[in-house]
Amino acid sequence: LGVSELLSNVIRHVAERRCYLRIVRIGGEVTVQVFDRSRKLP
């Protein structure tokens, strides 16, 4: 769900659609991050 939402927001709100998806596991937690080229925070 989160990957869909974060990438959909890049499509809708960011002029440059090149982005970076990172998934990190630290202990028992997973963090999903999407980096894009817009300075506008949601």
PDB file of all heavy atoms in Angstrom:
ATOM      1  N   LEU A   1       0.830  -1.201   0.000  1.00  0.00           N
ATOM      2  CA  LEU A   1       0.000   0.000   0.000  1.00  0.00           C
ATOM      3  C   LEU A   1       0.870   1.259   0.000  1.00  0.00           C
ATOM      4  O   LEU A   1       0.638   2.198  -0.772  1.00  0.00           O
ATOM      5  CB  LEU A   1      -0.919   0.011   1.223  1.00  0.00           C
ATOM      6  CG  LEU A   1      -1.648   1.331   1.498  1.00  0.00           C
ATOM      7  CD1 LEU A   1      -2.773   1.526   0.504  1.00  0.00           C
ATOM      8  CD2 LEU A   1      -2.165   1.366   2.923  1.00  0.00           C
ATOM      9  N   GLY A   2       1.871   1.277   0.874  1.00  0.00           N
ATOM     10  CA  GLY A   2       2.720   2.457   0.994  1.00  0.00           C
ATOM     11  C   GLY A   2       3.511   2.758  -0.260  1.00  0.00           C
ATOM     12  O   GLY A   2       3.628   3.920  -0.673  1.00  0.00           O
ATOM     13  N   VAL A   3       4.062   1.732  -0.894  1.00  0.00           N
ATOM     14  CA  VAL A   3       4.805   1.943  -2.141  1.00  0.00           C
ATOM     15  C   VAL A   3       3.874   2.523  -3.203  1.00  0.00           C
ATOM     16  O   VAL A   3       4.243   3.455  -3.911  1.00  0.00           O
ATOM     17  CB  VAL A   3       5.480   0.630  -2.605  1.00  0.00           C
ATOM     18  CG1 VAL A   3       5.960   0.727  -4.047  1.00  0.00           C
ATOM     19  CG2 VAL A   3       6.644   0.288  -1.677  1.00  0.00           C
ATOM     20  N   SER A   4       2.658   1.993  -3.300  1.00  0.00           N
ATOM     21  CA  SER A   4       1.687   2.550  -4.257  1.00  0.00           C
ATOM     22  C   SER A   4       1.438   4.017  -4.000  1.00  0.00           C
ATOM     23  O   SER A   4       1.441   4.837  -4.919  1.00  0.00           O
ATOM     24  CB  SER A   4       0.344   1.821  -4.137  1.00  0.00           C
ATOM     25  OG  SER A   4       0.440   0.511  -4.544  1.00  0.00           O
ATOM     26  N   GLU A   5       1.217   4.347  -2.745  1.00  0.00           N
ATOM     27  CA  GLU A   5       0.881   5.728  -2.401  1.00  0.00           C
ATOM     28  C   GLU A   5       2.061   6.664  -2.648  1.00  0.00           C
ATOM     29  O   GLU A   5       1.896   7.742  -3.231  1.00  0.00           O
ATOM     30  CB  GLU A   5       0.432   5.810  -0.948  1.00  0.00           C
ATOM     31  CG  GLU A   5      -0.041   7.178  -0.532  1.00  0.00           C
ATOM     32  CD  GLU A   5      -1.192   7.713  -1.366  1.00  0.00           C
ATOM     33  OE1 GLU A   5      -2.023   6.935  -1.863  1.00  0.00           O
ATOM     34  OE2 GLU A   5      -1.253   8.951  -1.526  1.00  0.00           O
ATOM     35  N   LEU A   6       3.240   6.281  -2.214  1.00  0.00           N
ATOM     36  CA  LEU A   6       4.396   7.165  -2.380  1.00  0.00           C
ATOM     37  C   LEU A   6       4.747   7.374  -3.845  1.00  0.00           C
ATOM     38  O   LEU A   6       5.035   8.498  -4.266  1.00  0.00           O
ATOM     39  CB  LEU A   6       5.590   6.617  -1.601  1.00  0.00           C
ATOM     40  CG  LEU A   6       5.421   6.521  -0.082  1.00  0.00           C
ATOM     41  CD1 LEU A   6       6.697   6.019   0.569  1.00  0.00           C
ATOM     42  CD2 LEU A   6       4.984   7.842   0.534  1.00  0.00           C
ATOM     43  N   LEU A   7       4.708   6.304  -4.648  1.00  0.00           N
ATOM     44  CA  LEU A   7       5.010   6.463  -6.071  1.00  0.00           C
ATOM     45  C   LEU A   7       3.902   7.201  -6.802  1.00  0.00           C
ATOM     46  O   LEU A   7       4.171   8.004  -7.700  1.00  0.00           O
ATOM     47  CB  LEU A   7       5.276   5.107  -6.711  1.00  0.00           C
ATOM     48  CG  LEU A   7       6.546   4.398  -6.241  1.00  0.00           C
ATOM     49  CD1 LEU A   7       6.712   3.065  -6.960  1.00  0.00           C
ATOM     50  CD2 LEU A   7       7.784   5.270  -6.397  1.00  0.00           C
ATOM     51  N   SER A   8       2.657   6.980  -6.429  1.00  0.00           N
ATOM     52  CA  SER A   8       1.542   7.723  -7.041  1.00  0.00           C
ATOM     53  C   SER A   8       1.681   9.212  -6.778  1.00  0.00           C
ATOM     54  O   SER A   8       1.377  10.039  -7.645  1.00  0.00           O
ATOM     55  CB  SER A   8       0.201   7.225  -6.501  1.00  0.00           C
ATOM     56  OG  SER A   8      -0.043   5.914  -6.925  1.00  0.00           O
ATOM     57  N   ASN A   9       2.148   9.567  -5.591  1.00  0.00           N
ATOM     58  CA  ASN A   9       2.330  10.984  -5.278  1.00  0.00           C
ATOM     59  C   ASN A   9       3.467  11.597  -6.090  1.00  0.00           C
ATOM     60  O   ASN A   9       3.392  12.770  -6.454  1.00  0.00           O
ATOM     61  CB  ASN A   9       2.546  11.179  -3.783  1.00  0.00           C
ATOM     62  CG  ASN A   9       1.237  11.113  -3.039  1.00  0.00           C
ATOM     63  OD1 ASN A   9       0.170  11.262  -3.605  1.00  0.00           O
ATOM     64  ND2 ASN A   9       1.312  10.875  -1.742  1.00  0.00           N
ATOM     65  N   VAL A  10       4.499  10.831  -6.390  1.00  0.00           N
ATOM     66  CA  VAL A  10       5.549  11.336  -7.287  1.00  0.00           C
ATOM     67  C   VAL A  10       4.936  11.619  -8.656  1.00  0.00           C
ATOM     68  O   VAL A  10       5.172  12.678  -9.241  1.00  0.00           O
ATOM     69  CB  VAL A  10       6.720  10.329  -7.397  1.00  0.00           C
ATOM     70  CG1 VAL A  10       7.697  10.751  -8.497  1.00  0.00           C
ATOM     71  CG2 VAL A  10       7.451  10.195  -6.063  1.00  0.00           C
ATOM     72  N   ILE A  11       4.130  10.701  -9.160  1.00  0.00           N
ATOM     73  CA  ILE A  11       3.496  10.889 -10.469  1.00  0.00           C
ATOM     74  C   ILE A  11       2.611  12.139 -10.473  1.00  0.00           C
ATOM     75  O   ILE A  11       2.656  12.940 -11.405  1.00  0.00           O
ATOM     76  CB  ILE A  11       2.668   9.640 -10.853  1.00  0.00           C
ATOM     77  CG1 ILE A  11       3.601   8.450 -11.079  1.00  0.00           C
ATOM     78  CG2 ILE A  11       1.802   9.904 -12.084  1.00  0.00           C
ATOM     79  CD1 ILE A  11       2.885   7.106 -11.155  1.00  0.00           C
ATOM     80  N   ARG A  12       1.827  12.331  -9.427  1.00  0.00           N
ATOM     81  CA  ARG A  12       0.874  13.445  -9.373  1.00  0.00           C
ATOM     82  C   ARG A  12       1.514  14.801  -9.100  1.00  0.00           C
ATOM     83  O   ARG A  12       1.033  15.821  -9.580  1.00  0.00           O
ATOM     84  CB  ARG A  12      -0.162  13.199  -8.279  1.00  0.00           C
ATOM     85  CG  ARG A  12      -1.253  12.290  -8.672  1.00  0.00           C
ATOM     86  CD  ARG A  12      -2.350  12.267  -7.591  1.00  0.00           C
ATOM     87  NE  ARG A  12      -2.975  10.971  -7.602  1.00  0.00           N
ATOM     88  CZ  ARG A  12      -2.782  10.015  -6.711  1.00  0.00           C
ATOM     89  NH1 ARG A  12      -1.981  10.207  -5.697  1.00  0.00           N
ATOM     90  NH2 ARG A  12      -3.383   8.860  -6.823  1.00  0.00           N
ATOM     91  N   HIS A  13       2.562  14.822  -8.278  1.00  0.00           N
ATOM     92  CA  HIS A  13       3.008  16.106  -7.725  1.00  0.00           C
ATOM     93  C   HIS A  13       4.439  16.512  -8.049  1.00  0.00           C
ATOM     94  O   HIS A  13       4.865  17.590  -7.637  1.00  0.00           O
ATOM     95  CB  HIS A  13       2.863  16.088  -6.199  1.00  0.00           C
ATOM     96  CG  HIS A  13       1.471  15.802  -5.741  1.00  0.00           C
ATOM     97  ND1 HIS A  13       0.426  16.682  -5.932  1.00  0.00           N
ATOM     98  CD2 HIS A  13       0.939  14.725  -5.109  1.00  0.00           C
ATOM     99  CE1 HIS A  13      -0.684  16.163  -5.433  1.00  0.00           C
ATOM    100  NE2 HIS A  13      -0.404  14.977  -4.931  1.00  0.00           N
ATOM    101  N   VAL A  14       5.202  15.679  -8.735  1.00  0.00           N
ATOM    102  CA  VAL A  14       6.613  15.987  -8.971  1.00  0.00           C
ATOM    103  C   VAL A  14       6.872  16.036 -10.474  1.00  0.00           C
ATOM    104  O   VAL A  14       6.523  15.097 -11.195  1.00  0.00           O
ATOM    105  CB  VAL A  14       7.525  14.923  -8.296  1.00  0.00           C
ATOM    106  CG1 VAL A  14       8.995  15.255  -8.537  1.00  0.00           C
ATOM    107  CG2 VAL A  14       7.231  14.839  -6.804  1.00  0.00           C
ATOM    108  N   ALA A  15       7.471  17.123 -10.938  1.00  0.00           N
ATOM    109  CA  ALA A  15       7.735  17.280 -12.378  1.00  0.00           C
ATOM    110  C   ALA A  15       8.732  16.232 -12.867  1.00  0.00           C
ATOM    111  O   ALA A  15       8.537  15.629 -13.925  1.00  0.00           O
ATOM    112  CB  ALA A  15       8.246  18.686 -12.665  1.00  0.00           C
ATOM    113  N   GLU A  16       9.789  16.000 -12.139  1.00  0.00           N
ATOM    114  CA  GLU A  16      10.818  15.002 -12.492  1.00  0.00           C
ATOM    115  C   GLU A  16      10.449  13.691 -11.818  1.00  0.00           C
ATOM    116  O   GLU A  16      10.539  13.557 -10.609  1.00  0.00           O
ATOM    117  CB  GLU A  16      12.197  15.481 -12.011  1.00  0.00           C
ATOM    118  CG  GLU A  16      13.287  14.441 -12.075  1.00  0.00           C
ATOM    119  CD  GLU A  16      13.528  13.891 -13.473  1.00  0.00           C
ATOM    120  OE1 GLU A  16      13.722  14.697 -14.404  1.00  0.00           O
ATOM    121  OE2 GLU A  16      13.518  12.658 -13.624  1.00  0.00           O
ATOM    122  N   ARG A  17      10.032  12.722 -12.604  1.00  0.00           N
ATOM    123  CA  ARG A  17       9.522  11.467 -12.048  1.00  0.00           C
ATOM    124  C   ARG A  17      10.609  10.462 -11.692  1.00  0.00           C
ATOM    125  O   ARG A  17      10.306   9.392 -11.184  1.00  0.00           O
ATOM    126  CB  ARG A  17       8.519  10.842 -13.003  1.00  0.00           C
ATOM    127  CG  ARG A  17       7.254  11.666 -13.080  1.00  0.00           C
ATOM    128  CD  ARG A  17       6.227  10.977 -13.907  1.00  0.00           C
ATOM    129  NE  ARG A  17       5.006  11.762 -13.930  1.00  0.00           N
ATOM    130  CZ  ARG A  17       3.954  11.418 -14.629  1.00  0.00           C
ATOM    131  NH1 ARG A  17       3.972  10.312 -15.350  1.00  0.00           N
ATOM    132  NH2 ARG A  17       2.877  12.168 -14.617  1.00  0.00           N
ATOM    133  N   ARG A  18      11.869  10.795 -11.956  1.00  0.00           N
ATOM    134  CA  ARG A  18      12.939   9.903 -11.512  1.00  0.00           C
ATOM    135  C   ARG A  18      13.017  10.035 -10.001  1.00  0.00           C
ATOM    136  O   ARG A  18      13.059  11.128  -9.454  1.00  0.00           O
ATOM    137  CB  ARG A  18      14.275  10.274 -12.138  1.00  0.00           C
ATOM    138  CG  ARG A  18      15.405   9.381 -11.626  1.00  0.00           C
ATOM    139  CD  ARG A  18      16.577   9.293 -12.557  1.00  0.00           C
ATOM    140  NE  ARG A  18      16.280   8.742 -13.863  1.00  0.00           N
ATOM    141  CZ  ARG A  18      16.081   7.450 -14.133  1.00  0.00           C
ATOM    142  NH1 ARG A  18      16.105   6.568 -13.168  1.00  0.00           N
ATOM    143  NH2 ARG A  18      15.844   7.049 -15.365  1.00  0.00           N
ATOM    144  N   CYS A  19      13.016   8.902  -9.336  1.00  0.00           N
ATOM    145  CA  CYS A  19      13.058   8.891  -7.879  1.00  0.00           C
ATOM    146  C   CYS A  19      13.850   7.674  -7.418  1.00  0.00           C
ATOM    147  O   CYS A  19      14.367   6.916  -8.255  1.00  0.00           O
ATOM    148  CB  CYS A  19      11.646   8.893  -7.284  1.00  0.00           C
ATOM    149  SG  CYS A  19      10.605   7.508  -7.785  1.00  0.00           S
ATOM    150  N   TYR A  20      13.968   7.507  -6.128  1.00  0.00           N
ATOM    151  CA  TYR A  20      14.741   6.394  -5.580  1.00  0.00           C
ATOM    152  C   TYR A  20      13.916   5.749  -4.473  1.00  0.00           C
ATOM    153  O   TYR A  20      13.441   6.434  -3.561  1.00  0.00           O
ATOM    154  CB  TYR A  20      16.071   6.911  -5.021  1.00  0.00           C
ATOM    155  CG  TYR A  20      17.023   5.813  -4.646  1.00  0.00           C
ATOM    156  CD1 TYR A  20      17.827   5.210  -5.605  1.00  0.00           C
ATOM    157  CD2 TYR A  20      17.117   5.364  -3.333  1.00  0.00           C
ATOM    158  CE1 TYR A  20      18.707   4.187  -5.263  1.00  0.00           C
ATOM    159  CE2 TYR A  20      17.995   4.355  -2.988  1.00  0.00           C
ATOM    160  CZ  TYR A  20      18.786   3.769  -3.951  1.00  0.00           C
ATOM    161  OH  TYR A  20      19.649   2.764  -3.619  1.00  0.00           O
ATOM    162  N   LEU A  21      13.739   4.443  -4.580  1.00  0.00           N
ATOM    163  CA  LEU A  21      13.023   3.658  -3.583  1.00  0.00           C
ATOM    164  C   LEU A  21      14.050   2.925  -2.733  1.00  0.00           C
ATOM    165  O   LEU A  21      14.916   2.234  -3.271  1.00  0.00           O
ATOM    166  CB  LEU A  21      12.098   2.648  -4.274  1.00  0.00           C
ATOM    167  CG  LEU A  21      11.430   1.595  -3.392  1.00  0.00           C
ATOM    168  CD1 LEU A  21      10.447   2.243  -2.421  1.00  0.00           C
ATOM    169  CD2 LEU A  21      10.739   0.550  -4.255  1.00  0.00           C
ATOM    170  N   ARG A  22      13.949   3.100  -1.419  1.00  0.00           N
ATOM    171  CA  ARG A  22      14.843   2.375  -0.507  1.00  0.00           C
ATOM    172  C   ARG A  22      14.000   1.723   0.575  1.00  0.00           C
ATOM    173  O   ARG A  22      13.080   2.337   1.117  1.00  0.00           O
ATOM    174  CB  ARG A  22      15.870   3.315   0.121  1.00  0.00           C
ATOM    175  CG  ARG A  22      16.820   2.560   1.045  1.00  0.00           C
ATOM    176  CD  ARG A  22      18.054   3.336   1.388  1.00  0.00           C
ATOM    177  NE  ARG A  22      17.739   4.585   2.049  1.00  0.00           N
ATOM    178  CZ  ARG A  22      18.644   5.510   2.325  1.00  0.00           C
ATOM    179  NH1 ARG A  22      19.902   5.345   1.990  1.00  0.00           N
ATOM    180  NH2 ARG A  22      18.282   6.614   2.931  1.00  0.00           N
ATOM    181  N   ILE A  23      14.329   0.468   0.867  1.00  0.00           N
ATOM    182  CA  ILE A  23      13.674  -0.286   1.924  1.00  0.00           C
ATOM    183  C   ILE A  23      14.770  -0.764   2.857  1.00  0.00           C
ATOM    184  O   ILE A  23      15.745  -1.384   2.416  1.00  0.00           O
ATOM    185  CB  ILE A  23      12.879  -1.486   1.357  1.00  0.00           C
ATOM    186  CG1 ILE A  23      11.932  -1.018   0.250  1.00  0.00           C
ATOM    187  CG2 ILE A  23      12.118  -2.197   2.477  1.00  0.00           C
ATOM    188  CD1 ILE A  23      11.309  -2.144  -0.543  1.00  0.00           C
ATOM    189  N   VAL A  24      14.619  -0.457   4.136  1.00  0.00           N
ATOM    190  CA  VAL A  24      15.663  -0.742   5.129  1.00  0.00           C
ATOM    191  C   VAL A  24      15.069  -1.561   6.262  1.00  0.00           C
ATOM    192  O   VAL A  24      13.993  -1.229   6.767  1.00  0.00           O
ATOM    193  CB  VAL A  24      16.250   0.575   5.697  1.00  0.00           C
ATOM    194  CG1 VAL A  24      17.327   0.291   6.719  1.00  0.00           C
ATOM    195  CG2 VAL A  24      16.767   1.465   4.584  1.00  0.00           C
ATOM    196  N   ARG A  25      15.785  -2.593   6.663  1.00  0.00           N
ATOM    197  CA  ARG A  25      15.390  -3.383   7.835  1.00  0.00           C
ATOM    198  C   ARG A  25      16.386  -3.106   8.943  1.00  0.00           C
ATOM    199  O   ARG A  25      17.586  -3.291   8.787  1.00  0.00           O
ATOM    200  CB  ARG A  25      15.387  -4.875   7.505  1.00  0.00           C
ATOM    201  CG  ARG A  25      15.074  -5.737   8.714  1.00  0.00           C
ATOM    202  CD  ARG A  25      15.059  -7.194   8.369  1.00  0.00           C
ATOM    203  NE  ARG A  25      16.374  -7.615   7.883  1.00  0.00           N
ATOM    204  CZ  ARG A  25      16.674  -8.871   7.580  1.00  0.00           C
ATOM    205  NH1 ARG A  25      15.776  -9.819   7.672  1.00  0.00           N
ATOM    206  NH2 ARG A  25      17.877  -9.178   7.146  1.00  0.00           N
ATOM    207  N   ILE A  26      15.864  -2.637  10.076  1.00  0.00           N
ATOM    208  CA  ILE A  26      16.683  -2.430  11.272  1.00  0.00           C
ATOM    209  C   ILE A  26      15.978  -3.156  12.395  1.00  0.00           C
ATOM    210  O   ILE A  26      14.890  -2.762  12.819  1.00  0.00           O
ATOM    211  CB  ILE A  26      16.866  -0.943  11.607  1.00  0.00           C
ATOM    212  CG1 ILE A  26      17.540  -0.214  10.446  1.00  0.00           C
ATOM    213  CG2 ILE A  26      17.648  -0.776  12.907  1.00  0.00           C
ATOM    214  CD1 ILE A  26      17.644   1.280  10.607  1.00  0.00           C
ATOM    215  N   GLY A  27      16.585  -4.239  12.847  1.00  0.00           N
ATOM    216  CA  GLY A  27      15.954  -5.056  13.874  1.00  0.00           C
ATOM    217  C   GLY A  27      14.631  -5.578  13.366  1.00  0.00           C
ATOM    218  O   GLY A  27      14.545  -6.169  12.299  1.00  0.00           O
ATOM    219  N   GLY A  28      13.575  -5.358  14.128  1.00  0.00           N
ATOM    220  CA  GLY A  28      12.249  -5.823  13.765  1.00  0.00           C
ATOM    221  C   GLY A  28      11.403  -4.781  13.071  1.00  0.00           C
ATOM    222  O   GLY A  28      10.174  -4.902  13.035  1.00  0.00           O
ATOM    223  N   GLU A  29      12.035  -3.756  12.524  1.00  0.00           N
ATOM    224  CA  GLU A  29      11.293  -2.687  11.858  1.00  0.00           C
ATOM    225  C   GLU A  29      11.751  -2.558  10.415  1.00  0.00           C
ATOM    226  O   GLU A  29      12.932  -2.705  10.115  1.00  0.00           O
ATOM    227  CB  GLU A  29      11.510  -1.365  12.590  1.00  0.00           C
ATOM    228  CG  GLU A  29      10.731  -0.203  12.009  1.00  0.00           C
ATOM    229  CD  GLU A  29      10.904   1.067  12.824  1.00  0.00           C
ATOM    230  OE1 GLU A  29      11.999   1.660  12.771  1.00  0.00           O
ATOM    231  OE2 GLU A  29       9.938   1.458  13.501  1.00  0.00           O
ATOM    232  N   VAL A  30      10.809  -2.286   9.532  1.00  0.00           N
ATOM    233  CA  VAL A  30      11.129  -2.013   8.135  1.00  0.00           C
ATOM    234  C   VAL A  30      10.697  -0.580   7.826  1.00  0.00           C
ATOM    235  O   VAL A  30       9.640  -0.132   8.266  1.00  0.00           O
ATOM    236  CB  VAL A  30      10.472  -3.035   7.176  1.00  0.00           C
ATOM    237  CG1 VAL A  30       8.968  -2.974   7.237  1.00  0.00           C
ATOM    238  CG2 VAL A  30      10.960  -2.856   5.768  1.00  0.00           C
ATOM    239  N   THR A  31      11.560   0.133   7.110  1.00  0.00           N
ATOM    240  CA  THR A  31      11.267   1.509   6.710  1.00  0.00           C
ATOM    241  C   THR A  31      11.339   1.595   5.191  1.00  0.00           C
ATOM    242  O   THR A  31      12.301   1.114   4.587  1.00  0.00           O
ATOM    243  CB  THR A  31      12.259   2.501   7.343  1.00  0.00           C
ATOM    244  OG1 THR A  31      12.160   2.406   8.764  1.00  0.00           O
ATOM    245  CG2 THR A  31      11.972   3.931   6.910  1.00  0.00           C
ATOM    246  N   VAL A  32      10.321   2.189   4.598  1.00  0.00           N
ATOM    247  CA  VAL A  32      10.255   2.405   3.156  1.00  0.00           C
ATOM    248  C   VAL A  32      10.406   3.904   2.917  1.00  0.00           C
ATOM    249  O   VAL A  32       9.695   4.703   3.536  1.00  0.00           O
ATOM    250  CB  VAL A  32       8.924   1.893   2.577  1.00  0.00           C
ATOM    251  CG1 VAL A  32       8.819   2.219   1.100  1.00  0.00           C
ATOM    252  CG2 VAL A  32       8.755   0.404   2.837  1.00  0.00           C
ATOM    253  N   GLN A  33      11.322   4.265   2.014  1.00  0.00           N
ATOM    254  CA  GLN A  33      11.586   5.673   1.719  1.00  0.00           C
ATOM    255  C   GLN A  33      11.524   5.889   0.213  1.00  0.00           C
ATOM    256  O   GLN A  33      12.013   5.054  -0.549  1.00  0.00           O
ATOM    257  CB  GLN A  33      12.990   6.062   2.185  1.00  0.00           C
ATOM    258  CG  GLN A  33      13.251   5.800   3.644  1.00  0.00           C
ATOM    259  CD  GLN A  33      14.733   5.890   3.971  1.00  0.00           C
ATOM    260  OE1 GLN A  33      15.565   5.356   3.257  1.00  0.00           O
ATOM    261  NE2 GLN A  33      15.039   6.569   5.071  1.00  0.00           N
ATOM    262  N   VAL A  34      10.949   7.007  -0.193  1.00  0.00           N
ATOM    263  CA  VAL A  34      11.016   7.437  -1.588  1.00  0.00           C
ATOM    264  C   VAL A  34      11.622   8.829  -1.608  1.00  0.00           C
ATOM    265  O   VAL A  34      11.124   9.744  -0.952  1.00  0.00           O
ATOM    266  CB  VAL A  34       9.634   7.404  -2.279  1.00  0.00           C
ATOM    267  CG1 VAL A  34       9.707   8.069  -3.654  1.00  0.00           C
ATOM    268  CG2 VAL A  34       9.142   5.972  -2.419  1.00  0.00           C
ATOM    269  N   PHE A  35      12.715   8.951  -2.339  1.00  0.00           N
ATOM    270  CA  PHE A  35      13.414  10.218  -2.524  1.00  0.00           C
ATOM    271  C   PHE A  35      12.988  10.770  -3.875  1.00  0.00           C
ATOM    272  O   PHE A  35      13.018  10.043  -4.871  1.00  0.00           O
ATOM    273  CB  PHE A  35      14.929   9.997  -2.574  1.00  0.00           C
ATOM    274  CG  PHE A  35      15.521   9.395  -1.337  1.00  0.00           C
ATOM    275  CD1 PHE A  35      15.346   8.046  -1.048  1.00  0.00           C
ATOM    276  CD2 PHE A  35      16.277  10.162  -0.467  1.00  0.00           C
ATOM    277  CE1 PHE A  35      15.902   7.470   0.080  1.00  0.00           C
ATOM    278  CE2 PHE A  35      16.839   9.594   0.666  1.00  0.00           C
ATOM    279  CZ  PHE A  35      16.650   8.255   0.938  1.00  0.00           C
ATOM    280  N   ASP A  36      12.606  12.058  -3.935  1.00  0.00           N
ATOM    281  CA  ASP A  36      12.288  12.668  -5.226  1.00  0.00           C
ATOM    282  C   ASP A  36      12.905  14.054  -5.296  1.00  0.00           C
ATOM    283  O   ASP A  36      13.533  14.509  -4.348  1.00  0.00           O
ATOM    284  CB  ASP A  36      10.773  12.674  -5.489  1.00  0.00           C
ATOM    285  CG  ASP A  36       9.991  13.590  -4.566  1.00  0.00           C
ATOM    286  OD1 ASP A  36      10.395  14.761  -4.379  1.00  0.00           O
ATOM    287  OD2 ASP A  36       8.962  13.158  -4.033  1.00  0.00           O
ATOM    288  N   ARG A  37      12.721  14.734  -6.424  1.00  0.00           N
ATOM    289  CA  ARG A  37      13.401  16.006  -6.677  1.00  0.00           C
ATOM    290  C   ARG A  37      12.539  17.235  -6.444  1.00  0.00           C
ATOM    291  O   ARG A  37      12.853  18.306  -6.937  1.00  0.00           O
ATOM    292  CB  ARG A  37      13.919  16.018  -8.094  1.00  0.00           C
ATOM    293  CG  ARG A  37      14.830  14.853  -8.357  1.00  0.00           C
ATOM    294  CD  ARG A  37      16.112  15.267  -8.905  1.00  0.00           C
ATOM    295  NE  ARG A  37      16.973  14.096  -9.016  1.00  0.00           N
ATOM    296  CZ  ARG A  37      17.862  13.940  -9.934  1.00  0.00           C
ATOM    297  NH1 ARG A  37      18.011  14.857 -10.848  1.00  0.00           N
ATOM    298  NH2 ARG A  37      18.619  12.877  -9.941  1.00  0.00           N
ATOM    299  N   SER A  38      11.482  17.089  -5.692  1.00  0.00           N
ATOM    300  CA  SER A  38      10.643  18.237  -5.363  1.00  0.00           C
ATOM    301  C   SER A  38      10.924  18.663  -3.924  1.00  0.00           C
ATOM    302  O   SER A  38      11.042  17.824  -3.042  1.00  0.00           O
ATOM    303  CB  SER A  38       9.159  17.871  -5.499  1.00  0.00           C
ATOM    304  OG  SER A  38       8.363  18.909  -4.972  1.00  0.00           O
ATOM    305  N   ARG A  39      10.999  19.955  -3.689  1.00  0.00           N
ATOM    306  CA  ARG A  39      11.196  20.462  -2.330  1.00  0.00           C
ATOM    307  C   ARG A  39       9.859  20.622  -1.598  1.00  0.00           C
ATOM    308  O   ARG A  39       9.841  20.861  -0.402  1.00  0.00           O
ATOM    309  CB  ARG A  39      11.898  21.826  -2.364  1.00  0.00           C
ATOM    310  CG  ARG A  39      13.254  21.829  -2.983  1.00  0.00           C
ATOM    311  CD  ARG A  39      14.365  21.360  -2.090  1.00  0.00           C
ATOM    312  NE  ARG A  39      14.518  22.190  -0.909  1.00  0.00           N
ATOM    313  CZ  ARG A  39      15.169  21.789   0.176  1.00  0.00           C
ATOM    314  NH1 ARG A  39      15.699  20.602   0.227  1.00  0.00           N
ATOM    315  NH2 ARG A  39      15.276  22.574   1.207  1.00  0.00           N
ATOM    316  N   LYS A  40       8.755  20.470  -2.318  1.00  0.00           N
ATOM    317  CA  LYS A  40       7.442  20.675  -1.712  1.00  0.00           C
ATOM    318  C   LYS A  40       7.051  19.449  -0.883  1.00  0.00           C
ATOM    319  O   LYS A  40       6.853  18.359  -1.410  1.00  0.00           O
ATOM    320  CB  LYS A  40       6.396  20.938  -2.787  1.00  0.00           C
ATOM    321  CG  LYS A  40       5.052  21.282  -2.215  1.00  0.00           C
ATOM    322  CD  LYS A  40       4.061  21.665  -3.283  1.00  0.00           C
ATOM    323  CE  LYS A  40       2.746  22.022  -2.621  1.00  0.00           C
ATOM    324  NZ  LYS A  40       1.685  22.184  -3.581  1.00  0.00           N
ATOM    325  N   LEU A  41       6.924  19.663   0.432  1.00  0.00           N
ATOM    326  CA  LEU A  41       6.546  18.577   1.331  1.00  0.00           C
ATOM    327  C   LEU A  41       5.032  18.361   1.276  1.00  0.00           C
ATOM    328  O   LEU A  41       4.269  19.318   1.142  1.00  0.00           O
ATOM    329  CB  LEU A  41       6.961  18.901   2.765  1.00  0.00           C
ATOM    330  CG  LEU A  41       8.458  19.050   3.027  1.00  0.00           C
ATOM    331  CD1 LEU A  41       8.706  19.491   4.464  1.00  0.00           C
ATOM    332  CD2 LEU A  41       9.198  17.760   2.729  1.00  0.00           C
ATOM    333  N   PRO A  42       4.594  17.108   1.391  1.00  0.00           N
ATOM    334  CA  PRO A  42       3.149  16.865   1.418  1.00  0.00           C
ATOM    335  C   PRO A  42       2.522  17.453   2.673  1.00  0.00           C
ATOM    336  O   PRO A  42       3.153  17.520   3.729  1.00  0.00           O
ATOM    337  CB  PRO A  42       3.031  15.344   1.414  1.00  0.00           C
ATOM    338  CG  PRO A  42       4.344  14.829   1.828  1.00  0.00           C
ATOM    339  CD  PRO A  42       5.361  15.880   1.523  1.00  0.00           C
TER     340      PRO A  42
END
